[in-house]
Amino acid sequence: QVQPVESGGGLVQPGGSLRLSCAASGSSFGRNVMEWYRQAPGEEREFVADINTGGTTRYADSVKGRFTISRDNAKNTVYLQMSSLKPEDTAVYFCAALSTITARRYWGQGTQVSVSS
């Protein structure tokens, strides 16, 4: 079982940058696809980016070219580097670990990102 814990959220001005971290406990980190989702007030949770066990990444069109996902298996941590932030990026960002063994998804508690001047 994997338990993700996000950190790094906060308030940033439009055009600014922020890096989110997600530390996932458990010895199976390297066998999980690591994902980032976000949920704005009144909206459904949406996919942001993921990185598979081989390091291949995928991004939502809305963040492509601005966000970068990466993982450090030695530290059981996945990162989301966010640049050129826009007010519409404001949301609670959730980290998730998708097991390639059981297909079960484990969610973190979320971290708030607010983009405002």
N, C-alpha and C. Protein backbone atom coordinates (compact mmCIF):
# COMPACT_ATOMS: atom_id res chain seq x y z
N GLN A 1 0.85 -1.20 0.00
CA GLN A 1 0.00 0.00 0.00
C GLN A 1 0.88 1.23 0.00
N VAL A 2 0.41 2.27 -0.71
CA VAL A 2 1.16 3.51 -0.84
C VAL A 2 0.31 4.64 -0.29
N GLN A 3 0.90 5.52 0.48
CA GLN A 3 0.19 6.69 1.00
C GLN A 3 0.90 7.95 0.54
N PRO A 4 0.32 8.65 -0.45
CA PRO A 4 0.94 9.89 -0.92
C PRO A 4 0.65 11.05 0.02
N VAL A 5 1.62 11.94 0.17
CA VAL A 5 1.46 13.15 0.97
C VAL A 5 2.03 14.32 0.16
N GLU A 6 1.16 15.26 -0.19
CA GLU A 6 1.56 16.40 -0.99
C GLU A 6 2.09 17.54 -0.13
N SER A 7 2.93 18.38 -0.73
CA SER A 7 3.40 19.60 -0.09
C SER A 7 3.82 20.58 -1.18
N GLY A 8 3.98 21.84 -0.77
CA GLY A 8 4.49 22.84 -1.69
C GLY A 8 3.47 23.80 -2.25
N GLY A 9 2.21 23.63 -1.89
CA GLY A 9 1.19 24.55 -2.38
C GLY A 9 1.33 25.92 -1.75
N GLY A 10 0.58 26.88 -2.28
CA GLY A 10 0.62 28.23 -1.73
C GLY A 10 0.01 29.24 -2.67
N LEU A 11 0.26 30.50 -2.37
CA LEU A 11 -0.25 31.61 -3.16
C LEU A 11 0.89 32.15 -4.04
N VAL A 12 0.60 32.31 -5.31
CA VAL A 12 1.61 32.81 -6.24
C VAL A 12 0.95 33.78 -7.22
N GLN A 13 1.70 34.74 -7.69
CA GLN A 13 1.17 35.71 -8.65
C GLN A 13 1.11 35.09 -10.05
N PRO A 14 0.22 35.59 -10.88
CA PRO A 14 0.18 35.12 -12.28
C PRO A 14 1.55 35.26 -12.94
N GLY A 15 1.92 34.24 -13.69
CA GLY A 15 3.22 34.22 -14.32
C GLY A 15 4.31 33.61 -13.46
N GLY A 16 3.99 33.36 -12.21
CA GLY A 16 4.97 32.80 -11.29
C GLY A 16 5.11 31.30 -11.40
N SER A 17 5.96 30.76 -10.53
CA SER A 17 6.24 29.33 -10.53
C SER A 17 6.07 28.75 -9.14
N LEU A 18 5.83 27.46 -9.11
CA LEU A 18 5.65 26.74 -7.85
C LEU A 18 6.01 25.28 -8.11
N ARG A 19 6.61 24.63 -7.13
CA ARG A 19 6.90 23.21 -7.26
C ARG A 19 6.19 22.43 -6.17
N LEU A 20 5.38 21.49 -6.60
CA LEU A 20 4.71 20.60 -5.67
C LEU A 20 5.53 19.32 -5.53
N SER A 21 5.49 18.77 -4.33
CA SER A 21 6.14 17.50 -4.07
C SER A 21 5.11 16.52 -3.53
N CYS A 22 5.36 15.26 -3.79
CA CYS A 22 4.48 14.21 -3.27
C CYS A 22 5.37 13.06 -2.82
N ALA A 23 5.43 12.88 -1.52
CA ALA A 23 6.20 11.78 -0.94
C ALA A 23 5.25 10.62 -0.69
N ALA A 24 5.62 9.46 -1.19
CA ALA A 24 4.74 8.30 -1.08
C ALA A 24 5.42 7.22 -0.26
N SER A 25 4.81 6.85 0.84
CA SER A 25 5.35 5.80 1.68
C SER A 25 5.10 4.44 1.04
N GLY A 26 5.85 3.45 1.48
CA GLY A 26 5.66 2.11 0.95
C GLY A 26 6.83 1.71 0.06
N SER A 27 7.09 0.42 0.00
CA SER A 27 8.25 -0.08 -0.74
C SER A 27 7.97 -0.29 -2.22
N SER A 28 6.73 -0.07 -2.64
CA SER A 28 6.36 -0.35 -4.03
C SER A 28 6.31 0.89 -4.90
N PHE A 29 6.91 1.98 -4.44
CA PHE A 29 6.81 3.25 -5.18
C PHE A 29 7.20 3.10 -6.63
N GLY A 30 8.27 2.38 -6.88
CA GLY A 30 8.77 2.23 -8.25
C GLY A 30 7.84 1.47 -9.16
N ARG A 31 6.85 0.79 -8.61
CA ARG A 31 5.90 0.03 -9.42
C ARG A 31 4.58 0.77 -9.60
N ASN A 32 4.58 2.05 -9.24
CA ASN A 32 3.36 2.84 -9.37
C ASN A 32 3.49 3.90 -10.45
N VAL A 33 2.42 4.07 -11.21
CA VAL A 33 2.29 5.26 -12.03
C VAL A 33 1.92 6.39 -11.07
N MET A 34 2.64 7.49 -11.11
CA MET A 34 2.36 8.62 -10.23
C MET A 34 1.64 9.70 -11.02
N GLU A 35 0.60 10.23 -10.42
CA GLU A 35 -0.31 11.13 -11.12
C GLU A 35 -0.53 12.41 -10.31
N TRP A 36 -0.86 13.46 -11.02
CA TRP A 36 -1.35 14.69 -10.41
C TRP A 36 -2.71 15.02 -11.03
N TYR A 37 -3.64 15.34 -10.15
CA TYR A 37 -4.96 15.81 -10.53
C TYR A 37 -5.20 17.14 -9.83
N ARG A 38 -6.22 17.86 -10.26
CA ARG A 38 -6.59 19.07 -9.56
C ARG A 38 -8.10 19.24 -9.58
N GLN A 39 -8.59 19.98 -8.61
CA GLN A 39 -10.02 20.22 -8.51
C GLN A 39 -10.24 21.66 -8.07
N ALA A 40 -10.86 22.43 -8.95
CA ALA A 40 -11.21 23.80 -8.65
C ALA A 40 -12.58 23.84 -7.98
N PRO A 41 -12.88 24.89 -7.24
CA PRO A 41 -14.18 24.99 -6.57
C PRO A 41 -15.34 24.83 -7.55
N GLY A 42 -16.26 23.95 -7.23
CA GLY A 42 -17.43 23.74 -8.08
C GLY A 42 -17.18 22.94 -9.33
N GLU A 43 -15.95 22.45 -9.48
CA GLU A 43 -15.59 21.69 -10.68
C GLU A 43 -15.27 20.25 -10.32
N GLU A 44 -15.25 19.40 -11.33
CA GLU A 44 -14.85 18.02 -11.11
C GLU A 44 -13.33 17.92 -11.08
N ARG A 45 -12.86 16.89 -10.44
CA ARG A 45 -11.42 16.64 -10.42
C ARG A 45 -10.95 16.31 -11.83
N GLU A 46 -9.83 16.90 -12.24
CA GLU A 46 -9.34 16.67 -13.59
C GLU A 46 -7.88 16.24 -13.59
N PHE A 47 -7.54 15.48 -14.58
CA PHE A 47 -6.17 14.99 -14.76
C PHE A 47 -5.26 16.14 -15.14
N VAL A 48 -4.06 16.14 -14.54
CA VAL A 48 -3.06 17.16 -14.86
C VAL A 48 -1.87 16.53 -15.58
N ALA A 49 -1.28 15.51 -14.97
CA ALA A 49 -0.09 14.90 -15.54
C ALA A 49 0.16 13.56 -14.86
N ASP A 50 0.89 12.68 -15.57
CA ASP A 50 1.34 11.46 -14.93
C ASP A 50 2.69 11.05 -15.47
N ILE A 51 3.33 10.15 -14.73
CA ILE A 51 4.63 9.63 -15.12
C ILE A 51 4.64 8.14 -14.78
N ASN A 52 4.97 7.32 -15.77
CA ASN A 52 4.90 5.88 -15.51
C ASN A 52 6.22 5.36 -14.94
N THR A 53 6.28 4.06 -14.75
CA THR A 53 7.45 3.48 -14.11
C THR A 53 8.71 3.62 -14.95
N GLY A 54 8.54 3.79 -16.25
CA GLY A 54 9.69 3.96 -17.13
C GLY A 54 10.08 5.42 -17.36
N GLY A 55 9.32 6.33 -16.75
CA GLY A 55 9.63 7.75 -16.87
C GLY A 55 8.89 8.47 -17.99
N THR A 56 8.02 7.78 -18.69
CA THR A 56 7.23 8.42 -19.74
C THR A 56 6.17 9.31 -19.10
N THR A 57 6.01 10.50 -19.64
CA THR A 57 5.09 11.48 -19.06
C THR A 57 3.94 11.80 -20.01
N ARG A 58 2.84 12.22 -19.41
CA ARG A 58 1.68 12.70 -20.16
C ARG A 58 1.16 13.94 -19.46
N TYR A 59 0.56 14.84 -20.24
CA TYR A 59 0.05 16.09 -19.68
C TYR A 59 -1.32 16.41 -20.26
N ALA A 60 -2.12 17.08 -19.45
CA ALA A 60 -3.34 17.66 -19.97
C ALA A 60 -2.96 18.79 -20.92
N ASP A 61 -3.77 19.02 -21.93
CA ASP A 61 -3.47 20.07 -22.90
C ASP A 61 -3.36 21.44 -22.22
N SER A 62 -4.12 21.63 -21.17
CA SER A 62 -4.16 22.94 -20.51
C SER A 62 -2.86 23.30 -19.79
N VAL A 63 -2.02 22.30 -19.52
CA VAL A 63 -0.78 22.56 -18.79
C VAL A 63 0.46 22.22 -19.61
N LYS A 64 0.27 21.65 -20.77
CA LYS A 64 1.40 21.22 -21.60
C LYS A 64 2.28 22.42 -21.92
N GLY A 65 3.59 22.24 -21.72
CA GLY A 65 4.53 23.31 -21.98
C GLY A 65 4.76 24.22 -20.80
N ARG A 66 3.93 24.10 -19.77
CA ARG A 66 4.09 24.95 -18.57
C ARG A 66 4.42 24.12 -17.33
N PHE A 67 3.91 22.90 -17.26
CA PHE A 67 4.13 22.04 -16.11
C PHE A 67 5.07 20.90 -16.50
N THR A 68 5.86 20.46 -15.54
CA THR A 68 6.75 19.32 -15.75
C THR A 68 6.64 18.37 -14.57
N ILE A 69 6.35 17.11 -14.86
CA ILE A 69 6.28 16.09 -13.82
C ILE A 69 7.58 15.28 -13.86
N SER A 70 8.07 14.94 -12.68
CA SER A 70 9.27 14.11 -12.60
C SER A 70 9.18 13.25 -11.35
N ARG A 71 10.01 12.23 -11.30
CA ARG A 71 10.00 11.35 -10.13
C ARG A 71 11.41 10.99 -9.74
N ASP A 72 11.59 10.79 -8.44
CA ASP A 72 12.86 10.33 -7.87
C ASP A 72 12.55 9.07 -7.09
N ASN A 73 12.79 7.92 -7.70
CA ASN A 73 12.43 6.66 -7.06
C ASN A 73 13.26 6.40 -5.80
N ALA A 74 14.46 6.93 -5.75
CA ALA A 74 15.30 6.75 -4.56
C ALA A 74 14.71 7.48 -3.35
N LYS A 75 13.95 8.55 -3.63
CA LYS A 75 13.35 9.33 -2.55
C LYS A 75 11.85 9.08 -2.43
N ASN A 76 11.32 8.16 -3.24
CA ASN A 76 9.88 7.88 -3.23
C ASN A 76 9.06 9.16 -3.38
N THR A 77 9.50 10.00 -4.29
CA THR A 77 8.89 11.32 -4.43
C THR A 77 8.64 11.65 -5.90
N VAL A 78 7.51 12.27 -6.14
CA VAL A 78 7.18 12.79 -7.46
C VAL A 78 6.99 14.30 -7.33
N TYR A 79 7.36 15.01 -8.36
CA TYR A 79 7.31 16.47 -8.35
C TYR A 79 6.44 16.99 -9.48
N LEU A 80 5.88 18.16 -9.27
CA LEU A 80 5.19 18.86 -10.34
C LEU A 80 5.71 20.28 -10.34
N GLN A 81 6.55 20.59 -11.32
CA GLN A 81 7.07 21.94 -11.48
C GLN A 81 6.09 22.72 -12.34
N MET A 82 5.55 23.79 -11.78
CA MET A 82 4.54 24.58 -12.47
C MET A 82 5.11 25.97 -12.76
N SER A 83 5.05 26.37 -14.01
CA SER A 83 5.56 27.68 -14.43
C SER A 83 4.48 28.41 -15.22
N SER A 84 4.71 29.70 -15.40
CA SER A 84 3.75 30.53 -16.15
C SER A 84 2.33 30.31 -15.63
N LEU A 85 2.20 30.33 -14.34
CA LEU A 85 0.91 30.02 -13.72
C LEU A 85 -0.14 31.07 -14.05
N LYS A 86 -1.37 30.59 -14.20
CA LYS A 86 -2.51 31.43 -14.54
C LYS A 86 -3.56 31.33 -13.44
N PRO A 87 -4.41 32.32 -13.33
CA PRO A 87 -5.48 32.24 -12.31
C PRO A 87 -6.32 30.98 -12.45
N GLU A 88 -6.50 30.50 -13.67
CA GLU A 88 -7.30 29.29 -13.87
C GLU A 88 -6.60 28.02 -13.42
N ASP A 89 -5.34 28.13 -12.99
CA ASP A 89 -4.64 26.99 -12.39
C ASP A 89 -4.97 26.84 -10.92
N THR A 90 -5.69 27.80 -10.38
CA THR A 90 -6.08 27.74 -8.97
C THR A 90 -6.95 26.53 -8.71
N ALA A 91 -6.53 25.71 -7.75
CA ALA A 91 -7.24 24.46 -7.45
C ALA A 91 -6.55 23.77 -6.28
N VAL A 92 -7.21 22.76 -5.78
CA VAL A 92 -6.54 21.81 -4.88
C VAL A 92 -5.89 20.76 -5.76
N TYR A 93 -4.61 20.56 -5.57
CA TYR A 93 -3.86 19.59 -6.36
C TYR A 93 -3.67 18.31 -5.55
N PHE A 94 -4.03 17.20 -6.19
CA PHE A 94 -3.95 15.90 -5.56
C PHE A 94 -2.91 15.04 -6.25
N CYS A 95 -2.15 14.35 -5.44
CA CYS A 95 -1.23 13.34 -5.94
C CYS A 95 -1.89 11.97 -5.80
N ALA A 96 -1.66 11.11 -6.75
CA ALA A 96 -2.21 9.75 -6.68
C ALA A 96 -1.17 8.76 -7.15
N ALA A 97 -1.21 7.60 -6.54
CA ALA A 97 -0.34 6.49 -6.92
C ALA A 97 -1.21 5.38 -7.48
N LEU A 98 -0.97 5.04 -8.72
CA LEU A 98 -1.74 3.99 -9.38
C LEU A 98 -0.88 2.73 -9.46
N SER A 99 -1.30 1.70 -8.72
CA SER A 99 -0.51 0.48 -8.69
C SER A 99 -0.61 -0.26 -10.02
N THR A 100 0.55 -0.65 -10.57
CA THR A 100 0.56 -1.44 -11.80
C THR A 100 0.31 -2.92 -11.50
N ILE A 101 0.28 -3.25 -10.20
CA ILE A 101 0.03 -4.63 -9.79
C ILE A 101 -1.46 -4.86 -9.55
N THR A 102 -2.09 -3.97 -8.80
CA THR A 102 -3.50 -4.16 -8.41
C THR A 102 -4.46 -3.24 -9.14
N ALA A 103 -3.92 -2.23 -9.86
CA ALA A 103 -4.74 -1.22 -10.53
C ALA A 103 -5.51 -0.36 -9.54
N ARG A 104 -5.11 -0.38 -8.28
CA ARG A 104 -5.76 0.45 -7.28
C ARG A 104 -5.07 1.80 -7.24
N ARG A 105 -5.85 2.86 -7.06
CA ARG A 105 -5.33 4.21 -6.99
C ARG A 105 -5.41 4.71 -5.54
N TYR A 106 -4.28 5.21 -5.05
CA TYR A 106 -4.21 5.76 -3.70
C TYR A 106 -4.06 7.27 -3.80
N TRP A 107 -4.91 7.99 -3.05
CA TRP A 107 -4.94 9.45 -3.14
C TRP A 107 -4.27 10.11 -1.94
N GLY A 108 -3.65 11.25 -2.19
CA GLY A 108 -3.19 12.11 -1.12
C GLY A 108 -4.32 13.01 -0.66
N GLN A 109 -4.01 13.87 0.31
CA GLN A 109 -5.05 14.72 0.89
C GLN A 109 -5.22 16.03 0.14
N GLY A 110 -4.29 16.34 -0.73
CA GLY A 110 -4.39 17.54 -1.55
C GLY A 110 -3.63 18.72 -0.97
N THR A 111 -3.22 19.63 -1.84
CA THR A 111 -2.57 20.86 -1.43
C THR A 111 -3.12 22.01 -2.27
N GLN A 112 -3.40 23.13 -1.62
CA GLN A 112 -4.05 24.25 -2.31
C GLN A 112 -3.02 25.08 -3.08
N VAL A 113 -3.33 25.36 -4.32
CA VAL A 113 -2.55 26.28 -5.13
C VAL A 113 -3.47 27.42 -5.55
N SER A 114 -3.08 28.63 -5.22
CA SER A 114 -3.87 29.80 -5.58
C SER A 114 -3.00 30.74 -6.40
N VAL A 115 -3.52 31.14 -7.55
CA VAL A 115 -2.80 32.05 -8.44
C VAL A 115 -3.61 33.34 -8.52
N SER A 116 -3.06 34.39 -7.93
CA SER A 116 -3.79 35.65 -7.86
C SER A 116 -2.83 36.80 -7.63
N SER A 117 -3.19 37.96 -8.16
CA SER A 117 -2.38 39.15 -7.91
C SER A 117 -2.92 39.92 -6.70
